[in-house]
Structure formats: C-alpha cells, structure tokens
Amino acid sequence: MPSKIGKDIILLNPIVRKFQYGQHTVTLETGMMARQATAAVMVSMDDTAVFVTVVGQKKAKPGQDFFPLTVNYQERTYAAGRIPGSFFRREGRPSEGETLIARLIDRPVRPLFPEGFVNEVQVIATVVSVNPQVNPDIVAMIGASAALSLSAFRSTAQSARRA
C-alpha cells in the first residue's frame, strides 16, 4: 500500500529480495519504477545492475495465430562509464552480442507460455551498470524470469495450460 506525504506526494513501498548465486549476492527490487509496465524488476549482482520490464496486451489481436514475444537487451555505453564523444552520440542499433543475449533470454522463456497463447509480450532488459567480473547476461536472464513471474501473463499462461 503506498504511503502518502502531504496531499500530492505518494511514496511507494518497494519489495526487495536477496539470494546467493555462487559467490555473489543477487538483489531483486520491484515496486519503485516503471509503474505503467506490467512488471518491472531491478536486478543487481555486485556492481552489475540490469533493469527489466515486461509489458503485454491483455487481449490478443483478432485473427492472430502466433505468439509475438519480443526480447530486447540493451547495453548502454554509460553503463560501462563511457559516453560517445564523436559526431554520432546516439546508441544506434543493437550489436551482434546484444542480439545473441536477447535470444539467450528468449529461448528458455518462450516454451513456458502455453500453445495457443497469442497475446503480444515485450521483455526489455537495460544494463544500467557493469562490473567487469560479473556478466550482465546472467543478471538479465534472472531479471526477465522474475519480471515474467510477477506479471499477470504467468497466471494467464498457467490457467490456459491447465485447460
């Protein structure tokens, strides 16, 4: 339940969970950012942090006969402490590595949705900070799994699977 300060300021109550992954402590935080997304999780492992959001349609488009799951993985240059200094300051299109990591997240998640589930779902993982000793792809996979678990699509998918 959100707390109120004054008549216009609302404080949100975050949910924070921690667990051990090998020698690293993984922290999952939700409830503070991206409130319009279906689910949003900030995952951090040591100094590597990835923000993962899940957004999807509540109903499928009429006549749609496939499952449009989109996974985007974005490594921003500021996450590694670099700012583009040339004429081209925009991030540009995803690199080959980012595309492969997006597929790495997509492949184990896609079979969890039941056959016949055709609502559009988007998973976006944005690397916020990087510790060179911790691979951000593992952190992004943990975040995608957590965000999908928090979303309503998991219960929709489970009820469709039971039917």
N, C-alpha and C. Protein backbone atom coordinates (compact mmCIF):
# COMPACT_ATOMS: atom_id res chain seq x y z
N MET A 1 0.84 -1.17 0.00
CA MET A 1 0.00 0.00 0.00
C MET A 1 0.89 1.24 0.00
N PRO A 2 0.70 2.16 -0.91
CA PRO A 2 1.54 3.36 -0.94
C PRO A 2 1.31 4.24 0.28
N SER A 3 2.36 4.91 0.72
CA SER A 3 2.27 5.87 1.82
C SER A 3 2.09 7.26 1.23
N LYS A 4 1.39 8.13 1.97
CA LYS A 4 1.19 9.50 1.49
C LYS A 4 1.93 10.47 2.39
N ILE A 5 2.56 11.45 1.76
CA ILE A 5 3.16 12.57 2.47
C ILE A 5 2.52 13.80 1.86
N GLY A 6 1.82 14.56 2.65
CA GLY A 6 1.13 15.71 2.09
C GLY A 6 -0.04 15.24 1.24
N LYS A 7 -0.51 16.13 0.36
CA LYS A 7 -1.64 15.73 -0.46
C LYS A 7 -1.26 15.32 -1.87
N ASP A 8 -0.02 15.59 -2.32
CA ASP A 8 0.36 15.27 -3.69
C ASP A 8 1.48 14.24 -3.81
N ILE A 9 2.24 14.01 -2.76
CA ILE A 9 3.41 13.14 -2.85
C ILE A 9 3.04 11.76 -2.32
N ILE A 10 3.25 10.75 -3.15
CA ILE A 10 2.96 9.37 -2.77
C ILE A 10 4.27 8.60 -2.78
N LEU A 11 4.59 7.95 -1.67
CA LEU A 11 5.77 7.09 -1.61
C LEU A 11 5.33 5.65 -1.84
N LEU A 12 6.09 4.93 -2.62
CA LEU A 12 5.77 3.54 -2.91
C LEU A 12 6.55 2.64 -1.96
N ASN A 13 5.98 1.51 -1.65
CA ASN A 13 6.66 0.55 -0.80
C ASN A 13 7.37 -0.47 -1.67
N PRO A 14 8.69 -0.38 -1.75
CA PRO A 14 9.41 -1.33 -2.59
C PRO A 14 9.46 -2.72 -1.96
N ILE A 15 9.61 -3.71 -2.82
CA ILE A 15 9.81 -5.09 -2.38
C ILE A 15 11.23 -5.47 -2.78
N VAL A 16 12.03 -5.90 -1.81
CA VAL A 16 13.43 -6.25 -2.06
C VAL A 16 13.66 -7.67 -1.57
N ARG A 17 14.24 -8.49 -2.42
CA ARG A 17 14.60 -9.87 -2.07
C ARG A 17 16.05 -10.10 -2.45
N LYS A 18 16.77 -10.85 -1.60
CA LYS A 18 18.18 -11.16 -1.86
C LYS A 18 18.37 -12.67 -1.77
N PHE A 19 19.30 -13.18 -2.59
CA PHE A 19 19.68 -14.58 -2.51
C PHE A 19 21.11 -14.74 -3.01
N GLN A 20 21.71 -15.86 -2.67
CA GLN A 20 23.09 -16.15 -3.08
C GLN A 20 23.09 -16.89 -4.41
N TYR A 21 23.97 -16.48 -5.31
CA TYR A 21 24.19 -17.16 -6.58
C TYR A 21 25.69 -17.40 -6.67
N GLY A 22 26.13 -18.59 -6.28
CA GLY A 22 27.56 -18.85 -6.20
C GLY A 22 28.16 -17.98 -5.11
N GLN A 23 29.17 -17.20 -5.47
CA GLN A 23 29.81 -16.30 -4.51
C GLN A 23 29.18 -14.91 -4.50
N HIS A 24 28.17 -14.70 -5.30
CA HIS A 24 27.58 -13.37 -5.47
C HIS A 24 26.22 -13.28 -4.78
N THR A 25 25.90 -12.10 -4.30
CA THR A 25 24.57 -11.82 -3.75
C THR A 25 23.74 -11.12 -4.82
N VAL A 26 22.61 -11.70 -5.14
CA VAL A 26 21.70 -11.13 -6.14
C VAL A 26 20.58 -10.40 -5.39
N THR A 27 20.31 -9.17 -5.80
CA THR A 27 19.25 -8.37 -5.19
C THR A 27 18.19 -8.07 -6.25
N LEU A 28 16.94 -8.40 -5.94
CA LEU A 28 15.80 -8.11 -6.81
C LEU A 28 14.96 -7.03 -6.13
N GLU A 29 14.68 -5.95 -6.87
CA GLU A 29 13.87 -4.85 -6.33
C GLU A 29 12.73 -4.57 -7.30
N THR A 30 11.54 -4.37 -6.76
CA THR A 30 10.39 -4.02 -7.58
C THR A 30 9.48 -3.09 -6.80
N GLY A 31 8.59 -2.41 -7.50
CA GLY A 31 7.61 -1.55 -6.86
C GLY A 31 7.95 -0.08 -6.83
N MET A 32 9.12 0.31 -7.34
CA MET A 32 9.51 1.72 -7.28
C MET A 32 9.49 2.41 -8.64
N MET A 33 9.83 1.69 -9.70
CA MET A 33 9.94 2.32 -11.02
C MET A 33 9.05 1.62 -12.02
N ALA A 34 8.79 2.31 -13.13
CA ALA A 34 8.04 1.76 -14.27
C ALA A 34 6.69 1.20 -13.83
N ARG A 35 5.92 2.02 -13.18
CA ARG A 35 4.63 1.57 -12.66
C ARG A 35 3.61 1.32 -13.75
N GLN A 36 3.82 1.86 -14.95
CA GLN A 36 2.87 1.60 -16.03
C GLN A 36 3.19 0.31 -16.77
N ALA A 37 4.35 -0.26 -16.52
CA ALA A 37 4.69 -1.56 -17.11
C ALA A 37 3.92 -2.64 -16.37
N THR A 38 3.72 -3.77 -17.03
CA THR A 38 3.05 -4.89 -16.39
C THR A 38 3.86 -5.38 -15.20
N ALA A 39 5.17 -5.45 -15.35
CA ALA A 39 6.08 -5.80 -14.25
C ALA A 39 7.44 -5.18 -14.54
N ALA A 40 8.13 -4.79 -13.48
CA ALA A 40 9.45 -4.19 -13.62
C ALA A 40 10.32 -4.64 -12.44
N VAL A 41 11.55 -5.03 -12.75
CA VAL A 41 12.47 -5.52 -11.72
C VAL A 41 13.85 -4.92 -11.97
N MET A 42 14.48 -4.42 -10.91
CA MET A 42 15.88 -4.01 -10.96
C MET A 42 16.68 -5.12 -10.29
N VAL A 43 17.58 -5.73 -11.05
CA VAL A 43 18.38 -6.83 -10.55
C VAL A 43 19.82 -6.37 -10.46
N SER A 44 20.45 -6.63 -9.32
CA SER A 44 21.86 -6.28 -9.19
C SER A 44 22.63 -7.46 -8.61
N MET A 45 23.82 -7.65 -9.15
CA MET A 45 24.73 -8.68 -8.67
C MET A 45 26.09 -7.99 -8.58
N ASP A 46 26.57 -7.82 -7.36
CA ASP A 46 27.75 -6.99 -7.10
C ASP A 46 27.48 -5.60 -7.67
N ASP A 47 28.29 -5.10 -8.58
CA ASP A 47 28.06 -3.77 -9.13
C ASP A 47 27.40 -3.80 -10.51
N THR A 48 26.98 -4.96 -10.97
CA THR A 48 26.27 -5.06 -12.25
C THR A 48 24.78 -4.96 -11.97
N ALA A 49 24.11 -4.04 -12.66
CA ALA A 49 22.68 -3.84 -12.45
C ALA A 49 21.97 -3.81 -13.80
N VAL A 50 20.83 -4.51 -13.87
CA VAL A 50 20.02 -4.57 -15.09
C VAL A 50 18.57 -4.27 -14.70
N PHE A 51 17.95 -3.38 -15.45
CA PHE A 51 16.55 -3.04 -15.24
C PHE A 51 15.72 -3.76 -16.30
N VAL A 52 14.79 -4.61 -15.87
CA VAL A 52 14.00 -5.43 -16.78
C VAL A 52 12.52 -5.08 -16.64
N THR A 53 11.87 -4.80 -17.76
CA THR A 53 10.44 -4.54 -17.76
C THR A 53 9.73 -5.54 -18.66
N VAL A 54 8.51 -5.86 -18.30
CA VAL A 54 7.64 -6.72 -19.11
C VAL A 54 6.36 -5.95 -19.35
N VAL A 55 5.98 -5.86 -20.61
CA VAL A 55 4.73 -5.19 -20.99
C VAL A 55 4.02 -6.10 -21.98
N GLY A 56 2.71 -6.20 -21.84
CA GLY A 56 1.98 -7.04 -22.78
C GLY A 56 0.53 -6.63 -22.88
N GLN A 57 -0.08 -7.09 -23.95
CA GLN A 57 -1.50 -6.82 -24.16
C GLN A 57 -2.33 -7.80 -23.35
N LYS A 58 -3.44 -7.30 -22.84
CA LYS A 58 -4.33 -8.17 -22.07
C LYS A 58 -5.13 -9.10 -22.98
N LYS A 59 -5.37 -8.66 -24.21
CA LYS A 59 -6.12 -9.48 -25.17
C LYS A 59 -5.33 -9.57 -26.47
N ALA A 60 -5.49 -10.69 -27.13
CA ALA A 60 -4.81 -10.89 -28.42
C ALA A 60 -5.54 -10.14 -29.52
N LYS A 61 -4.81 -9.78 -30.56
CA LYS A 61 -5.42 -9.16 -31.72
C LYS A 61 -6.27 -10.20 -32.44
N PRO A 62 -7.42 -9.82 -32.98
CA PRO A 62 -8.27 -10.79 -33.69
C PRO A 62 -7.54 -11.37 -34.90
N GLY A 63 -7.62 -12.67 -35.04
CA GLY A 63 -7.02 -13.34 -36.19
C GLY A 63 -5.54 -13.65 -36.04
N GLN A 64 -4.94 -13.27 -34.92
CA GLN A 64 -3.50 -13.52 -34.73
C GLN A 64 -3.30 -14.99 -34.39
N ASP A 65 -2.39 -15.65 -35.08
CA ASP A 65 -2.20 -17.09 -34.87
C ASP A 65 -0.78 -17.45 -34.45
N PHE A 66 -0.02 -16.49 -33.92
CA PHE A 66 1.34 -16.78 -33.44
C PHE A 66 1.58 -15.99 -32.16
N PHE A 67 2.61 -16.36 -31.43
CA PHE A 67 2.94 -15.71 -30.16
C PHE A 67 4.02 -14.66 -30.39
N PRO A 68 3.66 -13.37 -30.39
CA PRO A 68 4.65 -12.32 -30.63
C PRO A 68 5.39 -11.92 -29.35
N LEU A 69 6.40 -12.70 -28.99
CA LEU A 69 7.26 -12.38 -27.84
C LEU A 69 8.48 -11.64 -28.37
N THR A 70 8.70 -10.43 -27.86
CA THR A 70 9.85 -9.63 -28.26
C THR A 70 10.75 -9.45 -27.05
N VAL A 71 12.02 -9.78 -27.20
CA VAL A 71 13.00 -9.57 -26.14
C VAL A 71 14.07 -8.63 -26.66
N ASN A 72 14.27 -7.52 -25.96
CA ASN A 72 15.33 -6.56 -26.29
C ASN A 72 16.31 -6.51 -25.14
N TYR A 73 17.59 -6.61 -25.45
CA TYR A 73 18.66 -6.48 -24.47
C TYR A 73 19.51 -5.30 -24.91
N GLN A 74 19.69 -4.33 -24.01
CA GLN A 74 20.39 -3.10 -24.37
C GLN A 74 21.54 -2.85 -23.41
N GLU A 75 22.74 -2.78 -23.95
CA GLU A 75 23.90 -2.38 -23.15
C GLU A 75 24.19 -0.93 -23.49
N ARG A 76 23.87 -0.05 -22.61
CA ARG A 76 24.12 1.37 -22.84
C ARG A 76 25.59 1.68 -22.57
N THR A 77 26.13 2.60 -23.32
CA THR A 77 27.56 2.93 -23.15
C THR A 77 27.82 3.55 -21.78
N TYR A 78 26.85 4.26 -21.23
CA TYR A 78 27.06 4.87 -19.92
C TYR A 78 27.20 3.82 -18.83
N ALA A 79 26.67 2.60 -19.05
CA ALA A 79 26.77 1.55 -18.04
C ALA A 79 28.22 1.15 -17.79
N ALA A 80 29.04 1.25 -18.81
CA ALA A 80 30.47 0.93 -18.67
C ALA A 80 31.30 2.17 -18.37
N GLY A 81 30.64 3.31 -18.17
CA GLY A 81 31.36 4.53 -17.85
C GLY A 81 31.88 5.28 -19.05
N ARG A 82 31.33 5.01 -20.23
CA ARG A 82 31.76 5.70 -21.45
C ARG A 82 30.60 6.51 -22.01
N ILE A 83 30.93 7.65 -22.56
CA ILE A 83 29.96 8.49 -23.25
C ILE A 83 30.47 8.66 -24.67
N PRO A 84 29.65 8.38 -25.70
CA PRO A 84 30.13 8.57 -27.07
C PRO A 84 30.56 10.02 -27.29
N GLY A 85 31.77 10.22 -27.78
CA GLY A 85 32.29 11.57 -27.94
C GLY A 85 32.37 12.04 -29.36
N SER A 86 32.06 11.20 -30.30
CA SER A 86 32.16 11.58 -31.70
C SER A 86 30.89 12.30 -32.15
N PHE A 87 30.81 12.51 -33.44
CA PHE A 87 29.64 13.17 -34.02
C PHE A 87 28.38 12.34 -33.77
N PHE A 88 28.53 11.01 -33.78
CA PHE A 88 27.39 10.12 -33.57
C PHE A 88 27.26 9.83 -32.08
N ARG A 89 26.40 10.53 -31.40
CA ARG A 89 26.23 10.34 -29.96
C ARG A 89 25.08 9.39 -29.63
N ARG A 90 24.35 8.97 -30.61
CA ARG A 90 23.24 8.06 -30.36
C ARG A 90 23.77 6.64 -30.20
N GLU A 91 22.96 5.83 -29.55
CA GLU A 91 23.36 4.45 -29.30
C GLU A 91 23.36 3.61 -30.57
N GLY A 92 22.43 3.83 -31.47
CA GLY A 92 22.38 3.04 -32.69
C GLY A 92 21.67 1.72 -32.50
N ARG A 93 21.77 0.86 -33.50
CA ARG A 93 21.09 -0.42 -33.44
C ARG A 93 21.86 -1.40 -32.57
N PRO A 94 21.21 -2.48 -32.12
CA PRO A 94 21.87 -3.43 -31.23
C PRO A 94 23.06 -4.11 -31.92
N SER A 95 24.07 -4.38 -31.13
CA SER A 95 25.24 -5.10 -31.64
C SER A 95 24.89 -6.58 -31.79
N GLU A 96 25.79 -7.32 -32.41
CA GLU A 96 25.57 -8.76 -32.57
C GLU A 96 25.51 -9.44 -31.21
N GLY A 97 26.35 -9.00 -30.27
CA GLY A 97 26.34 -9.57 -28.92
C GLY A 97 25.02 -9.32 -28.20
N GLU A 98 24.48 -8.12 -28.35
CA GLU A 98 23.19 -7.80 -27.72
C GLU A 98 22.07 -8.65 -28.31
N THR A 99 22.11 -8.87 -29.61
CA THR A 99 21.11 -9.71 -30.27
C THR A 99 21.20 -11.15 -29.77
N LEU A 100 22.42 -11.66 -29.62
CA LEU A 100 22.60 -13.03 -29.14
C LEU A 100 22.13 -13.18 -27.69
N ILE A 101 22.38 -12.18 -26.86
CA ILE A 101 21.92 -12.24 -25.47
C ILE A 101 20.40 -12.16 -25.41
N ALA A 102 19.78 -11.35 -26.27
CA ALA A 102 18.32 -11.29 -26.34
C ALA A 102 17.75 -12.66 -26.71
N ARG A 103 18.39 -13.35 -27.63
CA ARG A 103 17.96 -14.71 -27.99
C ARG A 103 18.19 -15.68 -26.84
N LEU A 104 19.28 -15.47 -26.10
CA LEU A 104 19.58 -16.31 -24.94
C LEU A 104 18.49 -16.18 -23.87
N ILE A 105 17.90 -15.01 -23.76
CA ILE A 105 16.80 -14.79 -22.82
C ILE A 105 15.50 -15.35 -23.39
N ASP A 106 15.28 -15.16 -24.69
CA ASP A 106 14.03 -15.57 -25.35
C ASP A 106 13.84 -17.08 -25.35
N ARG A 107 14.88 -17.83 -25.69
CA ARG A 107 14.72 -19.28 -25.91
C ARG A 107 14.22 -20.05 -24.70
N PRO A 108 14.71 -19.83 -23.49
CA PRO A 108 14.16 -20.59 -22.36
C PRO A 108 12.80 -20.07 -21.87
N VAL A 109 12.44 -18.83 -22.21
CA VAL A 109 11.18 -18.25 -21.74
C VAL A 109 10.01 -18.65 -22.62
N ARG A 110 10.22 -18.72 -23.91
CA ARG A 110 9.13 -18.96 -24.87
C ARG A 110 8.35 -20.26 -24.59
N PRO A 111 8.98 -21.39 -24.27
CA PRO A 111 8.20 -22.61 -24.02
C PRO A 111 7.36 -22.57 -22.74
N LEU A 112 7.59 -21.59 -21.87
CA LEU A 112 6.81 -21.50 -20.64
C LEU A 112 5.38 -21.02 -20.90
N PHE A 113 5.17 -20.38 -22.04
CA PHE A 113 3.82 -19.95 -22.41
C PHE A 113 3.13 -21.10 -23.12
N PRO A 114 1.83 -21.29 -22.86
CA PRO A 114 1.14 -22.44 -23.45
C PRO A 114 0.90 -22.27 -24.94
N GLU A 115 0.69 -23.38 -25.60
CA GLU A 115 0.33 -23.35 -27.01
C GLU A 115 -1.02 -22.66 -27.13
N GLY A 116 -1.13 -21.75 -28.07
CA GLY A 116 -2.37 -21.00 -28.25
C GLY A 116 -2.37 -19.65 -27.56
N PHE A 117 -1.35 -19.35 -26.75
CA PHE A 117 -1.24 -18.03 -26.12
C PHE A 117 -0.67 -17.07 -27.16
N VAL A 118 -1.47 -16.08 -27.58
CA VAL A 118 -1.06 -15.20 -28.69
C VAL A 118 -1.07 -13.72 -28.32
N ASN A 119 -1.11 -13.41 -27.02
CA ASN A 119 -1.03 -12.00 -26.61
C ASN A 119 0.40 -11.50 -26.83
N GLU A 120 0.51 -10.25 -27.28
CA GLU A 120 1.84 -9.68 -27.50
C GLU A 120 2.52 -9.39 -26.16
N VAL A 121 3.77 -9.83 -26.01
CA VAL A 121 4.55 -9.62 -24.79
C VAL A 121 5.91 -9.08 -25.18
N GLN A 122 6.36 -8.04 -24.47
CA GLN A 122 7.69 -7.47 -24.69
C GLN A 122 8.48 -7.53 -23.40
N VAL A 123 9.71 -7.99 -23.50
CA VAL A 123 10.65 -8.01 -22.38
C VAL A 123 11.81 -7.12 -22.78
N ILE A 124 12.10 -6.10 -21.97
CA ILE A 124 13.20 -5.19 -22.27
C ILE A 124 14.16 -5.19 -21.09
N ALA A 125 15.41 -5.57 -21.34
CA ALA A 125 16.45 -5.59 -20.32
C ALA A 125 17.48 -4.53 -20.66
N THR A 126 17.65 -3.56 -19.77
CA THR A 126 18.59 -2.47 -19.99
C THR A 126 19.68 -2.54 -18.94
N VAL A 127 20.92 -2.67 -19.38
CA VAL A 127 22.06 -2.72 -18.45
C VAL A 127 22.30 -1.30 -17.94
N VAL A 128 22.27 -1.14 -16.63
CA VAL A 128 22.42 0.17 -16.01
C VAL A 128 23.85 0.41 -15.55
N SER A 129 24.49 -0.62 -14.99
CA SER A 129 25.90 -0.51 -14.61
C SER A 129 26.56 -1.87 -14.74
N VAL A 130 27.88 -1.85 -14.95
CA VAL A 130 28.61 -3.10 -15.22
C VAL A 130 29.83 -3.21 -14.32
N ASN A 131 29.97 -4.37 -13.70
CA ASN A 131 31.20 -4.78 -13.03
C ASN A 131 31.85 -5.77 -13.99
N PRO A 132 33.07 -5.53 -14.44
CA PRO A 132 33.69 -6.42 -15.43
C PRO A 132 33.80 -7.89 -14.99
N GLN A 133 33.74 -8.15 -13.68
CA GLN A 133 33.83 -9.53 -13.19
C GLN A 133 32.48 -10.26 -13.23
N VAL A 134 31.39 -9.54 -13.44
CA VAL A 134 30.06 -10.15 -13.46
C VAL A 134 29.42 -9.93 -14.82
N ASN A 135 29.05 -11.02 -15.47
CA ASN A 135 28.45 -10.97 -16.80
C ASN A 135 27.02 -10.44 -16.71
N PRO A 136 26.68 -9.37 -17.42
CA PRO A 136 25.32 -8.84 -17.32
C PRO A 136 24.25 -9.72 -17.97
N ASP A 137 24.64 -10.68 -18.82
CA ASP A 137 23.62 -11.53 -19.45
C ASP A 137 22.94 -12.44 -18.43
N ILE A 138 23.69 -12.95 -17.46
CA ILE A 138 23.09 -13.79 -16.41
C ILE A 138 22.13 -12.96 -15.56
N VAL A 139 22.55 -11.74 -15.23
CA VAL A 139 21.71 -10.84 -14.43
C VAL A 139 20.42 -10.52 -15.20
N ALA A 140 20.52 -10.30 -16.51
CA ALA A 140 19.35 -10.00 -17.33
C ALA A 140 18.41 -11.20 -17.40
N MET A 141 18.96 -12.41 -17.48
CA MET A 141 18.11 -13.61 -17.51
C MET A 141 17.35 -13.78 -16.20
N ILE A 142 18.03 -13.54 -15.08
CA ILE A 142 17.36 -13.62 -13.77
C ILE A 142 16.25 -12.57 -13.70
N GLY A 143 16.54 -11.36 -14.17
CA GLY A 143 15.54 -10.29 -14.15
C GLY A 143 14.35 -10.57 -15.03
N ALA A 144 14.58 -11.14 -16.22
CA ALA A 144 13.48 -11.48 -17.12
C ALA A 144 12.59 -12.54 -16.49
N SER A 145 13.19 -13.53 -15.87
CA SER A 145 12.42 -14.58 -15.22
C SER A 145 11.60 -14.01 -14.06
N ALA A 146 12.21 -13.12 -13.27
CA ALA A 146 11.50 -12.52 -12.14
C ALA A 146 10.36 -11.63 -12.62
N ALA A 147 10.61 -10.81 -13.63
CA ALA A 147 9.57 -9.90 -14.13
C ALA A 147 8.41 -10.67 -14.74
N LEU A 148 8.70 -11.74 -15.48
CA LEU A 148 7.62 -12.55 -16.05
C LEU A 148 6.84 -13.26 -14.95
N SER A 149 7.52 -13.66 -13.88
CA SER A 149 6.82 -14.29 -12.76
C SER A 149 5.88 -13.31 -12.07
N LEU A 150 6.29 -12.04 -12.01
CA LEU A 150 5.44 -11.02 -11.38
C LEU A 150 4.27 -10.59 -12.26
N SER A 151 4.41 -10.76 -13.56
CA SER A 151 3.38 -10.27 -14.48
C SER A 151 2.14 -11.15 -14.43
N ALA A 152 1.06 -10.61 -14.91
CA ALA A 152 -0.20 -11.36 -14.96
C ALA A 152 -0.17 -12.45 -16.02
N PHE A 153 0.81 -12.39 -16.92
CA PHE A 153 0.86 -13.37 -18.01
C PHE A 153 1.18 -14.76 -17.50
N ARG A 154 1.88 -14.83 -16.39
CA ARG A 154 2.21 -16.14 -15.85
C ARG A 154 0.95 -16.86 -15.42
N SER A 155 0.06 -16.18 -14.69
CA SER A 155 -1.18 -16.83 -14.26
C SER A 155 -2.09 -17.13 -15.44
N THR A 156 -2.10 -16.24 -16.44
CA THR A 156 -2.89 -16.47 -17.65
C THR A 156 -2.36 -17.69 -18.39
N ALA A 157 -1.04 -17.79 -18.48
CA ALA A 157 -0.43 -18.91 -19.17
C ALA A 157 -0.67 -20.21 -18.42
N GLN A 158 -0.59 -20.19 -17.08
CA GLN A 158 -0.81 -21.41 -16.32
C GLN A 158 -2.25 -21.87 -16.41
N SER A 159 -3.21 -20.94 -16.37
CA SER A 159 -4.61 -21.35 -16.47
C SER A 159 -4.93 -21.89 -17.86
N ALA A 160 -4.31 -21.34 -18.89
CA ALA A 160 -4.52 -21.84 -20.25
C ALA A 160 -3.89 -23.22 -20.41
N ARG A 161 -2.78 -23.46 -19.72
CA ARG A 161 -2.10 -24.76 -19.82
C ARG A 161 -2.94 -25.84 -19.16
N ARG A 162 -3.63 -25.50 -18.05
CA ARG A 162 -4.44 -26.49 -17.33
C ARG A 162 -5.70 -26.86 -18.10
N ALA A 163 -6.20 -25.97 -18.92
CA ALA A 163 -7.47 -26.21 -19.64
C ALA A 163 -7.32 -27.26 -20.71
